[in-house]
Amino acid sequence: MRINFKDKISVKRPFNHGRTPETEEQISRVFESDRGRIIHSAALRRLQHKTQVFPLERNASVRSRLTHSLEVQQAGRYIAREILLKLQKQAGLAHYGLENFARSFESLVEMACLLHDVGNPPFGHFGEAALKDWFKEHLVAGIPNFNIEDSSLTPLVSQVCTDLSNFEGNAQGIRLVQTILQLNLSYAQVACIMKYTAPAWWQGDKPQAYSTLMKKPGFYLSEKSYIEKLREETQLTEFQRFPLTYIMEAADDISYCIADLDDAVEKAIFNVDALYGYLVSEWGAVQANDLFSRTVEEAWTEARTKKRRSKGDQFFMSLRVSVQRELVKHAVQRFIDHLPDIFAGTFNHALLEDQGESGRLLAMFKKVARKYVFRHSEVEQLELQGYRVIRGLLDIYRPMMLLSYEHFNRLITDDELPGYPIETRLFHRLSDKHCKAYCHHLQQCKNLPRTELMLWERYYRYRLIQDYVSGMTDLYAWEEYRRLMAVDFV
């Protein structure tokens, strides 16, 4: 199999302007433009007020989604550069079609790392669960106020209900950058953030050969035609992953495996001495020069002997350096060793989740975090509160979801609906960009038969509410819930 990254790294955009770039400078400008669009986007700024582990955290030293994403960006850049150096030494970049794409390769990975959490809702995975659960419960009997006059639409109704009940931060990220914000990023840049390749409306068993790549929904029905074009431009077939996405995934794994423990110490959930004990206990017998001794033990020794900073600060600084050094080296080697399958997008594994020492070290950090951080009473209490906030907001906006097509259309057109004061006032709280996305979708459906139009209208209206609620920051969702529920109202 010939590996030519020129075939994968598409410089095209959905709305292209001017001639196709050919030189390295021209190609780099395309991805530099992507970089600017991403960094200046409002969605990226909102990540500073979204949960990494601790919701509604006031301590600025504890990571938010934004600071976590910056750390992932650094790890991704490191991996990308090491891969390019290896490929250069191995056969030369021209052999892989990268002679004019080295800077672009690096930029694509960096920006994918920065964007990887952009679709996450308030309160992290519990916010995600709340969105899923609420729609599953309310759509279990089908779509309210929708009568199927055409039996041929029954499969589509089922797909719509499944799609709406499978909210996922990664799929929402695709929708956010393409449909809601309309950043018009290059196809290669968006392909790089599509971590999972299963459609959200998938029903039944998934192909075993793609079990890891299809573990979660990767995109929604609303972006189906866009993803089809993206796959065409990046030469991906159904279920295949873009090759640089593997690097973004590895960078995320490297970053959060230590960050969550660091934040727990900062929050005084446990001290660094207790953490060291948890890690030793989880790893088991330490062998001379094994990966644990080269990372955790080395960091612990430096923490006890170097007095320039506190024991905790020294431990985490040393641990980050040694873990990143070891895991980046392993991720790079796995990428090179499996390059044909990775290039094809069929490598059904994460770079760092294997049966060797690197996979074991990563699993150890995750298990300690699960046992001693995520199960801490403060974390669990805030997660339960966040879950209730999201479900409560959806309950509040439900009357607007249940309006007839004619009534909602009048509300969109006239900005008011006589006789429906609650629905009118709820509508006024929605964001313009989300309403514009809804109107754009409906414009594309205007020539459909009426029954099918009614189904798609209902789908996009529910998406509108999901977009609005999932786009909130933790604090805004919390305050909006309190305002609308009249909690502590004076």
Protein backbone atom coordinates (compact mmCIF):
# COMPACT_ATOMS: atom_id res chain seq x y z
CA MET A 1 0.00 0.00 0.00
CA ARG A 2 1.39 3.40 -1.02
CA ILE A 3 1.33 5.98 1.76
CA ASN A 4 0.88 9.48 0.40
CA PHE A 5 -0.40 12.04 2.88
CA LYS A 6 -1.18 14.45 0.03
CA ASP A 7 -4.20 12.25 -0.67
CA LYS A 8 -5.49 12.64 2.87
CA ILE A 9 -4.63 16.20 3.87
CA SER A 10 -7.27 18.04 1.91
CA VAL A 11 -6.75 21.80 1.75
CA LYS A 12 -10.30 22.33 0.48
CA ARG A 13 -13.11 23.92 2.48
CA PRO A 14 -16.89 23.59 2.07
CA PHE A 15 -16.85 27.15 0.67
CA ASN A 16 -13.61 27.46 -1.25
CA HIS A 17 -12.24 30.71 -2.62
CA GLY A 18 -9.44 31.15 -5.12
CA ARG A 19 -7.07 28.61 -6.63
CA THR A 20 -6.00 25.38 -4.97
CA PRO A 21 -2.71 25.98 -3.06
CA GLU A 22 0.28 24.01 -4.28
CA THR A 23 3.51 25.27 -2.68
CA GLU A 24 4.40 24.70 0.97
CA GLU A 25 3.84 28.37 1.76
CA GLN A 26 0.40 28.37 0.14
CA ILE A 27 -0.60 25.14 1.86
CA SER A 28 0.64 26.43 5.23
CA ARG A 29 -1.49 29.55 4.84
CA VAL A 30 -4.61 27.40 4.54
CA PHE A 31 -3.97 25.75 7.88
CA GLU A 32 -2.77 29.01 9.43
CA SER A 33 -6.17 30.39 8.51
CA ASP A 34 -7.79 27.38 10.23
CA ARG A 35 -5.69 28.13 13.29
CA GLY A 36 -6.89 31.74 13.42
CA ARG A 37 -10.55 30.78 13.00
CA ILE A 38 -10.28 28.26 15.83
CA ILE A 39 -8.35 30.39 18.31
CA HIS A 40 -10.70 33.36 17.87
CA SER A 41 -13.89 31.27 18.14
CA ALA A 42 -16.27 31.93 21.04
CA ALA A 43 -16.69 28.19 21.63
CA LEU A 44 -13.02 27.86 22.48
CA ARG A 45 -13.18 30.76 24.95
CA ARG A 46 -16.15 29.16 26.69
CA LEU A 47 -14.01 26.15 27.57
CA GLN A 48 -12.40 28.24 30.33
CA HIS A 49 -15.69 27.92 32.24
CA LYS A 50 -16.44 24.27 31.52
CA THR A 51 -15.65 21.36 33.80
CA GLN A 52 -12.60 19.18 33.46
CA VAL A 53 -13.19 17.22 36.70
CA PHE A 54 -14.41 19.71 39.31
CA PRO A 55 -17.60 21.62 38.35
CA LEU A 56 -17.95 25.30 39.27
CA GLU A 57 -14.35 25.42 40.49
CA ARG A 58 -13.18 28.80 41.81
CA ASN A 59 -9.50 27.89 42.20
CA ALA A 60 -7.83 29.11 38.98
CA SER A 61 -4.99 26.62 39.47
CA VAL A 62 -7.39 23.72 38.89
CA ARG A 63 -7.81 22.83 35.24
CA SER A 64 -10.75 23.85 33.12
CA ARG A 65 -11.48 22.35 29.70
CA LEU A 66 -9.49 25.19 28.16
CA THR A 67 -6.31 24.74 30.21
CA HIS A 68 -6.56 20.98 29.70
CA SER A 69 -6.86 21.53 25.93
CA LEU A 70 -3.75 23.74 25.93
CA GLU A 71 -1.82 20.91 27.60
CA VAL A 72 -3.15 18.42 25.05
CA GLN A 73 -2.06 20.80 22.30
CA GLN A 74 1.51 20.79 23.60
CA ALA A 75 1.60 16.98 23.83
CA GLY A 76 0.14 16.65 20.32
CA ARG A 77 2.75 19.00 18.88
CA TYR A 78 5.49 16.98 20.56
CA ILE A 79 4.22 13.68 19.13
CA ALA A 80 3.71 15.14 15.65
CA ARG A 81 7.25 16.52 15.54
CA GLU A 82 8.77 13.24 16.70
CA ILE A 83 6.82 11.33 14.06
CA LEU A 84 8.01 13.69 11.33
CA LEU A 85 11.62 13.29 12.50
CA LYS A 86 11.29 9.49 12.40
CA LEU A 87 9.74 9.50 8.94
CA GLN A 88 12.44 11.88 7.70
CA LYS A 89 15.18 9.54 8.93
CA GLN A 90 13.40 6.43 7.75
CA ALA A 91 12.79 7.23 4.09
CA GLY A 92 12.52 10.99 3.75
CA LEU A 93 9.32 13.04 3.97
CA ALA A 94 8.89 13.03 0.18
CA HIS A 95 8.45 9.25 0.33
CA TYR A 96 5.26 9.78 2.37
CA GLY A 97 3.97 12.77 0.42
CA LEU A 98 4.90 15.14 3.22
CA GLU A 99 7.56 17.27 1.53
CA ASN A 100 5.22 20.30 1.45
CA PHE A 101 3.06 19.27 4.38
CA ALA A 102 5.34 19.00 7.42
CA ARG A 103 4.24 22.31 8.98
CA SER A 104 0.63 21.58 8.07
CA PHE A 105 0.85 18.10 9.64
CA GLU A 106 1.95 19.68 12.90
CA SER A 107 -0.63 22.48 12.77
CA LEU A 108 -3.51 20.06 12.06
CA VAL A 109 -2.63 18.00 15.12
CA GLU A 110 -2.21 21.06 17.36
CA MET A 111 -5.55 22.57 16.41
CA ALA A 112 -7.34 19.23 16.68
CA CYS A 113 -5.98 18.94 20.22
CA LEU A 114 -7.18 22.44 21.03
CA LEU A 115 -10.65 21.64 19.63
CA HIS A 116 -11.08 18.09 20.92
CA ASP A 117 -13.39 19.03 23.84
CA VAL A 118 -15.17 21.96 22.20
CA GLY A 119 -18.51 20.12 21.95
CA ASN A 120 -18.62 19.03 25.59
CA PRO A 121 -21.70 20.24 27.50
CA PRO A 122 -21.74 21.81 30.98
CA PHE A 123 -20.77 19.44 33.82
CA GLY A 124 -18.79 17.09 31.59
CA HIS A 125 -19.90 13.49 31.25
CA PHE A 126 -22.82 13.98 33.64
CA GLY A 127 -24.14 16.80 31.46
CA GLU A 128 -23.77 14.47 28.50
CA ALA A 129 -25.66 11.71 30.34
CA ALA A 130 -28.44 14.12 31.29
CA LEU A 131 -28.98 15.12 27.65
CA LYS A 132 -29.04 11.48 26.54
CA ASP A 133 -31.34 10.29 29.30
CA TRP A 134 -33.85 13.12 28.97
CA PHE A 135 -34.37 12.59 25.25
CA LYS A 136 -34.47 8.79 25.57
CA GLU A 137 -37.24 9.09 28.15
CA HIS A 138 -39.25 11.67 26.21
CA LEU A 139 -38.91 10.01 22.81
CA VAL A 140 -39.55 6.44 23.96
CA ALA A 141 -43.09 6.58 22.57
CA GLY A 142 -42.00 8.36 19.40
CA ILE A 143 -41.98 12.04 18.50
CA PRO A 144 -44.75 13.96 20.32
CA ASN A 145 -47.46 15.51 18.12
CA PHE A 146 -46.08 13.81 15.02
CA ASN A 147 -48.42 11.47 13.17
CA ILE A 148 -46.87 9.14 10.61
CA GLU A 149 -49.04 9.39 7.52
CA ASP A 150 -46.48 7.69 5.32
CA SER A 151 -45.30 4.27 6.51
CA SER A 152 -42.16 4.63 4.39
CA LEU A 153 -40.99 7.21 6.94
CA THR A 154 -41.02 4.72 9.84
CA PRO A 155 -37.28 3.87 9.51
CA LEU A 156 -36.39 7.57 9.39
CA VAL A 157 -38.49 8.27 12.50
CA SER A 158 -36.57 5.54 14.31
CA GLN A 159 -33.24 7.00 13.17
CA VAL A 160 -34.26 10.50 14.29
CA CYS A 161 -35.25 9.28 17.77
CA THR A 162 -32.01 7.28 18.12
CA ASP A 163 -29.90 10.20 16.90
CA LEU A 164 -31.47 12.68 19.33
CA SER A 165 -31.04 10.22 22.21
CA ASN A 166 -27.31 9.84 21.57
CA PHE A 167 -25.90 13.25 22.43
CA GLU A 168 -22.10 13.01 22.42
CA GLY A 169 -19.50 15.74 22.92
CA ASN A 170 -17.38 14.65 19.96
CA ALA A 171 -20.34 14.66 17.56
CA GLN A 172 -21.44 18.02 18.96
CA GLY A 173 -17.95 19.38 18.28
CA ILE A 174 -18.33 18.56 14.58
CA ARG A 175 -21.75 20.22 14.54
CA LEU A 176 -20.47 23.26 16.41
CA VAL A 177 -17.53 24.12 14.14
CA GLN A 178 -19.30 23.36 10.87
CA THR A 179 -23.01 24.12 11.31
CA ILE A 180 -23.43 26.49 14.25
CA LEU A 181 -20.28 28.62 14.13
CA GLN A 182 -19.74 28.05 10.39
CA LEU A 183 -15.97 28.33 10.73
CA ASN A 184 -15.57 26.85 7.23
CA LEU A 185 -12.47 24.91 8.29
CA SER A 186 -10.57 22.73 5.86
CA TYR A 187 -11.90 19.20 5.52
CA ALA A 188 -8.61 17.83 6.86
CA GLN A 189 -8.87 19.91 10.04
CA VAL A 190 -12.39 18.73 10.85
CA ALA A 191 -11.52 15.12 9.94
CA CYS A 192 -8.77 15.38 12.52
CA ILE A 193 -11.28 15.96 15.36
CA MET A 194 -13.66 13.15 14.35
CA LYS A 195 -12.48 10.73 17.02
CA TYR A 196 -15.31 8.24 16.52
CA THR A 197 -16.71 7.13 13.19
CA ALA A 198 -20.14 5.72 14.09
CA PRO A 199 -23.21 7.76 13.15
CA ALA A 200 -25.37 8.72 16.13
CA TRP A 201 -28.41 7.06 14.56
CA TRP A 202 -26.69 3.66 14.27
CA GLN A 203 -28.87 0.75 15.36
CA GLY A 204 -27.84 -2.85 15.90
CA ASP A 205 -24.40 -4.41 16.19
CA LYS A 206 -21.30 -2.58 15.00
CA PRO A 207 -18.61 -4.20 12.82
CA GLN A 208 -16.08 -5.90 15.09
CA ALA A 209 -13.21 -4.67 12.91
CA TYR A 210 -14.12 -1.09 13.91
CA SER A 211 -15.29 -1.69 17.48
CA THR A 212 -12.90 0.88 19.04
CA LEU A 213 -13.33 3.49 16.30
CA MET A 214 -17.13 3.18 16.55
CA LYS A 215 -17.27 3.00 20.36
CA LYS A 216 -19.26 6.25 20.54
CA PRO A 217 -21.25 8.41 18.10
CA GLY A 218 -19.04 10.57 15.92
CA PHE A 219 -21.57 12.73 14.06
CA TYR A 220 -25.30 13.43 13.80
CA LEU A 221 -27.91 13.11 11.07
CA SER A 222 -27.79 16.90 10.76
CA GLU A 223 -24.18 16.67 9.51
CA LYS A 224 -24.57 13.50 7.42
CA SER A 225 -24.12 15.13 4.00
CA TYR A 226 -21.18 17.19 5.26
CA ILE A 227 -19.42 14.07 6.60
CA GLU A 228 -19.99 12.30 3.28
CA LYS A 229 -18.23 15.17 1.48
CA LEU A 230 -15.47 15.24 4.12
CA ARG A 231 -14.82 11.52 3.60
CA GLU A 232 -14.69 12.01 -0.15
CA GLU A 233 -12.15 14.84 0.16
CA THR A 234 -9.93 12.97 2.66
CA GLN A 235 -10.26 9.57 0.95
CA LEU A 236 -11.92 7.84 3.88
CA THR A 237 -14.55 5.17 3.50
CA GLU A 238 -17.30 4.40 6.00
CA PHE A 239 -16.05 3.81 9.59
CA GLN A 240 -12.43 4.79 8.81
CA ARG A 241 -10.60 7.34 10.95
CA PHE A 242 -8.37 10.16 9.73
CA PRO A 243 -4.71 9.18 10.45
CA LEU A 244 -3.77 12.28 12.46
CA THR A 245 -6.71 11.71 14.83
CA TYR A 246 -4.74 8.89 16.46
CA ILE A 247 -2.14 11.46 17.51
CA MET A 248 -4.76 13.77 19.03
CA GLU A 249 -6.22 10.85 20.99
CA ALA A 250 -2.79 9.87 22.36
CA ALA A 251 -2.03 13.47 23.36
CA ASP A 252 -5.31 13.61 25.30
CA ASP A 253 -4.53 10.33 27.09
CA ILE A 254 -1.05 11.56 28.07
CA SER A 255 -2.34 14.89 29.37
CA TYR A 256 -5.31 13.96 31.49
CA CYS A 257 -3.85 10.82 33.08
CA ILE A 258 -1.70 13.01 35.38
CA ALA A 259 -3.68 16.26 35.33
CA ASP A 260 -6.68 14.82 37.20
CA LEU A 261 -4.41 13.61 40.01
CA ASP A 262 -2.56 16.92 40.11
CA ASP A 263 -5.85 18.80 40.47
CA ALA A 264 -6.97 16.45 43.26
CA VAL A 265 -3.84 17.31 45.24
CA GLU A 266 -4.40 21.03 44.53
CA LYS A 267 -7.95 20.58 45.88
CA ALA A 268 -6.60 18.78 48.98
CA ILE A 269 -8.64 15.66 48.23
CA PHE A 270 -5.46 13.80 49.16
CA ASN A 271 -1.81 14.82 49.57
CA VAL A 272 1.10 13.77 47.41
CA ASP A 273 2.31 11.20 49.97
CA ALA A 274 -1.06 9.44 49.86
CA LEU A 275 -1.07 9.60 46.06
CA TYR A 276 2.34 7.93 45.87
CA GLY A 277 1.01 5.13 48.07
CA TYR A 278 -2.05 4.67 45.83
CA LEU A 279 0.16 4.45 42.74
CA VAL A 280 2.55 1.92 44.30
CA SER A 281 -0.37 -0.19 45.49
CA GLU A 282 -2.03 -0.16 42.06
CA TRP A 283 1.17 -1.00 40.13
CA GLY A 284 2.29 -3.85 42.34
CA ALA A 285 5.84 -5.18 42.51
CA VAL A 286 8.32 -2.70 41.04
CA GLN A 287 11.12 -4.15 38.93
CA ALA A 288 14.50 -2.49 38.34
CA ASN A 289 14.28 -0.12 35.37
CA ASP A 290 10.63 -0.90 34.61
CA LEU A 291 8.38 1.92 33.44
CA PHE A 292 7.07 2.64 36.94
CA SER A 293 10.60 3.09 38.30
CA ARG A 294 11.54 5.35 35.35
CA THR A 295 8.54 7.60 35.91
CA VAL A 296 6.81 7.51 39.31
CA GLU A 297 9.82 6.38 41.36
CA GLU A 298 12.12 8.83 39.64
CA ALA A 299 9.68 11.69 40.29
CA TRP A 300 9.24 10.64 43.92
CA THR A 301 13.00 10.60 44.49
CA GLU A 302 13.35 14.09 43.04
CA ALA A 303 10.42 15.34 45.14
CA ARG A 304 12.15 14.21 48.34
CA THR A 305 15.65 15.38 47.46
CA LYS A 306 15.18 18.66 45.56
CA LYS A 307 14.22 21.55 47.81
CA ARG A 308 13.70 24.32 45.24
CA ARG A 309 9.92 23.92 45.38
CA SER A 310 7.32 22.07 47.45
CA LYS A 311 7.26 18.29 47.41
CA GLY A 312 3.97 18.24 45.51
CA ASP A 313 5.06 20.73 42.86
CA GLN A 314 8.36 18.92 42.33
CA PHE A 315 6.67 15.52 42.14
CA PHE A 316 4.19 16.55 39.45
CA MET A 317 6.76 18.50 37.46
CA SER A 318 9.11 15.52 37.37
CA LEU A 319 6.27 13.08 36.78
CA ARG A 320 4.90 15.03 33.79
CA VAL A 321 8.34 15.23 32.19
CA SER A 322 9.14 11.54 32.61
CA VAL A 323 5.66 10.23 31.72
CA GLN A 324 5.45 12.43 28.65
CA ARG A 325 8.93 11.36 27.57
CA GLU A 326 8.09 7.66 27.86
CA LEU A 327 4.54 7.73 26.51
CA VAL A 328 5.34 10.02 23.59
CA LYS A 329 8.19 7.71 22.59
CA HIS A 330 5.80 4.74 22.72
CA ALA A 331 3.01 6.53 20.81
CA VAL A 332 5.45 7.58 18.08
CA GLN A 333 6.78 4.04 17.69
CA ARG A 334 3.27 2.57 17.55
CA PHE A 335 2.31 5.13 14.90
CA ILE A 336 5.35 4.20 12.80
CA ASP A 337 4.94 0.44 13.32
CA HIS A 338 1.30 0.48 12.27
CA LEU A 339 1.52 3.26 9.70
CA PRO A 340 -0.18 1.37 6.82
CA ASP A 341 -3.29 0.63 8.92
CA ILE A 342 -3.25 4.08 10.54
CA PHE A 343 -2.96 5.77 7.16
CA ALA A 344 -5.87 3.67 5.89
CA GLY A 345 -7.87 4.59 9.00
CA THR A 346 -8.49 0.95 9.91
CA PHE A 347 -6.21 0.63 12.96
CA ASN A 348 -8.81 -0.35 15.56
CA HIS A 349 -6.79 0.63 18.64
CA ALA A 350 -5.61 3.68 20.55
CA LEU A 351 -1.87 4.25 20.29
CA LEU A 352 -1.37 4.01 24.05
CA GLU A 353 -3.88 1.36 25.05
CA ASP A 354 -1.96 -1.85 24.47
CA GLN A 355 -0.82 -4.81 26.56
CA GLY A 356 2.67 -3.44 27.23
CA GLU A 357 4.06 -1.34 30.06
CA SER A 358 2.84 1.94 28.55
CA GLY A 359 -0.74 0.72 28.45
CA ARG A 360 -0.35 -0.58 32.00
CA LEU A 361 0.98 2.76 33.27
CA LEU A 362 -1.86 4.68 31.63
CA ALA A 363 -4.43 2.25 33.05
CA MET A 364 -2.87 2.64 36.52
CA PHE A 365 -3.26 6.44 36.48
CA LYS A 366 -6.86 6.15 35.26
CA LYS A 367 -7.77 3.56 37.88
CA VAL A 368 -6.32 5.63 40.74
CA ALA A 369 -8.23 8.68 39.49
CA ARG A 370 -11.45 6.67 39.30
CA LYS A 371 -11.07 5.26 42.81
CA TYR A 372 -9.82 8.30 44.69
CA VAL A 373 -10.85 11.38 42.65
CA PHE A 374 -14.06 10.71 40.71
CA ARG A 375 -15.63 8.83 43.63
CA HIS A 376 -14.87 11.61 46.11
CA SER A 377 -18.04 12.90 47.77
CA GLU A 378 -17.52 16.51 46.63
CA VAL A 379 -17.07 15.48 43.00
CA GLU A 380 -20.05 13.12 43.06
CA GLN A 381 -22.29 15.70 44.70
CA LEU A 382 -21.45 18.35 42.10
CA GLU A 383 -21.92 15.84 39.26
CA LEU A 384 -25.37 14.89 40.57
CA GLN A 385 -26.27 18.57 40.86
CA GLY A 386 -25.04 19.19 37.31
CA TYR A 387 -27.13 16.27 36.04
CA ARG A 388 -30.20 17.74 37.70
CA VAL A 389 -29.50 21.22 36.33
CA ILE A 390 -29.32 20.00 32.71
CA ARG A 391 -32.45 17.87 33.02
CA GLY A 392 -34.19 20.78 34.73
CA LEU A 393 -33.33 23.15 31.88
CA LEU A 394 -34.67 20.66 29.33
CA ASP A 395 -37.90 20.37 31.36
CA ILE A 396 -38.20 24.15 31.34
CA TYR A 397 -37.79 24.36 27.54
CA ARG A 398 -40.06 21.40 26.80
CA PRO A 399 -43.20 23.53 26.12
CA MET A 400 -41.38 25.15 23.20
CA MET A 401 -40.45 21.72 21.85
CA LEU A 402 -44.10 20.63 21.92
CA LEU A 403 -45.48 23.54 19.90
CA SER A 404 -47.04 22.70 16.53
CA TYR A 405 -45.00 23.42 13.41
CA GLU A 406 -47.25 26.36 12.54
CA HIS A 407 -46.94 27.92 15.97
CA PHE A 408 -43.16 27.51 16.17
CA ASN A 409 -42.77 28.83 12.64
CA ARG A 410 -44.71 31.95 13.62
CA LEU A 411 -42.53 32.34 16.72
CA ILE A 412 -39.39 32.15 14.58
CA THR A 413 -40.81 34.56 12.00
CA ASP A 414 -42.49 37.15 14.24
CA ASP A 415 -40.42 36.77 17.41
CA GLU A 416 -43.63 36.31 19.38
CA LEU A 417 -46.61 33.97 19.60
CA PRO A 418 -49.88 35.49 20.89
CA GLY A 419 -51.55 33.29 23.48
CA TYR A 420 -48.28 31.54 24.39
CA PRO A 421 -46.45 33.90 26.76
CA ILE A 422 -44.24 31.18 28.32
CA GLU A 423 -43.05 29.80 24.96
CA THR A 424 -42.45 33.33 23.65
CA ARG A 425 -40.28 34.28 26.60
CA LEU A 426 -38.35 31.02 26.45
CA PHE A 427 -37.71 31.61 22.76
CA HIS A 428 -36.30 35.05 23.52
CA ARG A 429 -33.60 33.42 25.67
CA LEU A 430 -32.22 31.37 22.79
CA SER A 431 -29.04 32.39 20.99
CA ASP A 432 -29.25 33.95 17.51
CA LYS A 433 -26.60 31.63 16.10
CA HIS A 434 -28.56 28.55 17.17
CA CYS A 435 -31.80 29.92 15.68
CA LYS A 436 -30.00 30.75 12.43
CA ALA A 437 -28.69 27.17 12.23
CA TYR A 438 -32.28 25.92 12.65
CA CYS A 439 -33.56 28.25 9.91
CA HIS A 440 -30.76 27.20 7.57
CA HIS A 441 -31.66 23.53 8.06
CA LEU A 442 -35.34 24.25 7.38
CA GLN A 443 -34.50 26.19 4.23
CA GLN A 444 -32.78 23.08 2.88
CA CYS A 445 -35.90 21.00 3.60
CA LYS A 446 -38.48 23.35 2.05
CA ASN A 447 -39.09 21.20 -1.06
CA LEU A 448 -39.73 17.97 0.84
CA PRO A 449 -43.22 16.44 1.06
CA ARG A 450 -45.11 17.94 4.01
CA THR A 451 -44.99 14.84 6.25
CA GLU A 452 -41.24 14.49 5.83
CA LEU A 453 -40.77 18.24 6.32
CA MET A 454 -42.70 18.01 9.62
CA LEU A 455 -40.40 15.22 10.80
CA TRP A 456 -37.21 17.10 9.94
CA GLU A 457 -38.58 20.31 11.44
CA ARG A 458 -39.19 18.55 14.72
CA TYR A 459 -35.69 17.00 14.59
CA TYR A 460 -33.99 20.35 14.01
CA ARG A 461 -36.09 22.05 16.67
CA TYR A 462 -34.91 19.49 19.23
CA ARG A 463 -31.36 19.96 17.97
CA LEU A 464 -31.82 23.71 18.53
CA ILE A 465 -32.54 23.11 22.22
CA GLN A 466 -29.68 20.62 22.55
CA ASP A 467 -27.34 23.13 20.90
CA TYR A 468 -28.40 25.90 23.26
CA VAL A 469 -28.17 23.90 26.50
CA SER A 470 -24.96 22.05 25.59
CA GLY A 471 -23.28 25.31 24.60
CA MET A 472 -23.72 26.82 28.07
CA THR A 473 -20.82 27.10 30.49
CA ASP A 474 -21.17 25.39 33.87
CA LEU A 475 -21.83 28.67 35.68
CA TYR A 476 -24.31 29.98 33.12
CA ALA A 477 -26.28 26.70 33.17
CA TRP A 478 -26.32 26.75 36.98
CA GLU A 479 -27.47 30.38 37.13
CA GLU A 480 -30.03 29.97 34.34
CA TYR A 481 -31.53 27.00 36.13
CA ARG A 482 -31.77 28.97 39.39
CA ARG A 483 -33.27 32.00 37.60
CA LEU A 484 -35.94 30.04 35.76
CA MET A 485 -36.76 27.78 38.70
CA ALA A 486 -36.94 30.87 40.98
CA VAL A 487 -34.49 29.27 43.40
CA ASP A 488 -33.49 31.72 46.16
CA PHE A 489 -35.76 34.26 44.48
CA VAL A 490 -36.28 37.40 46.56
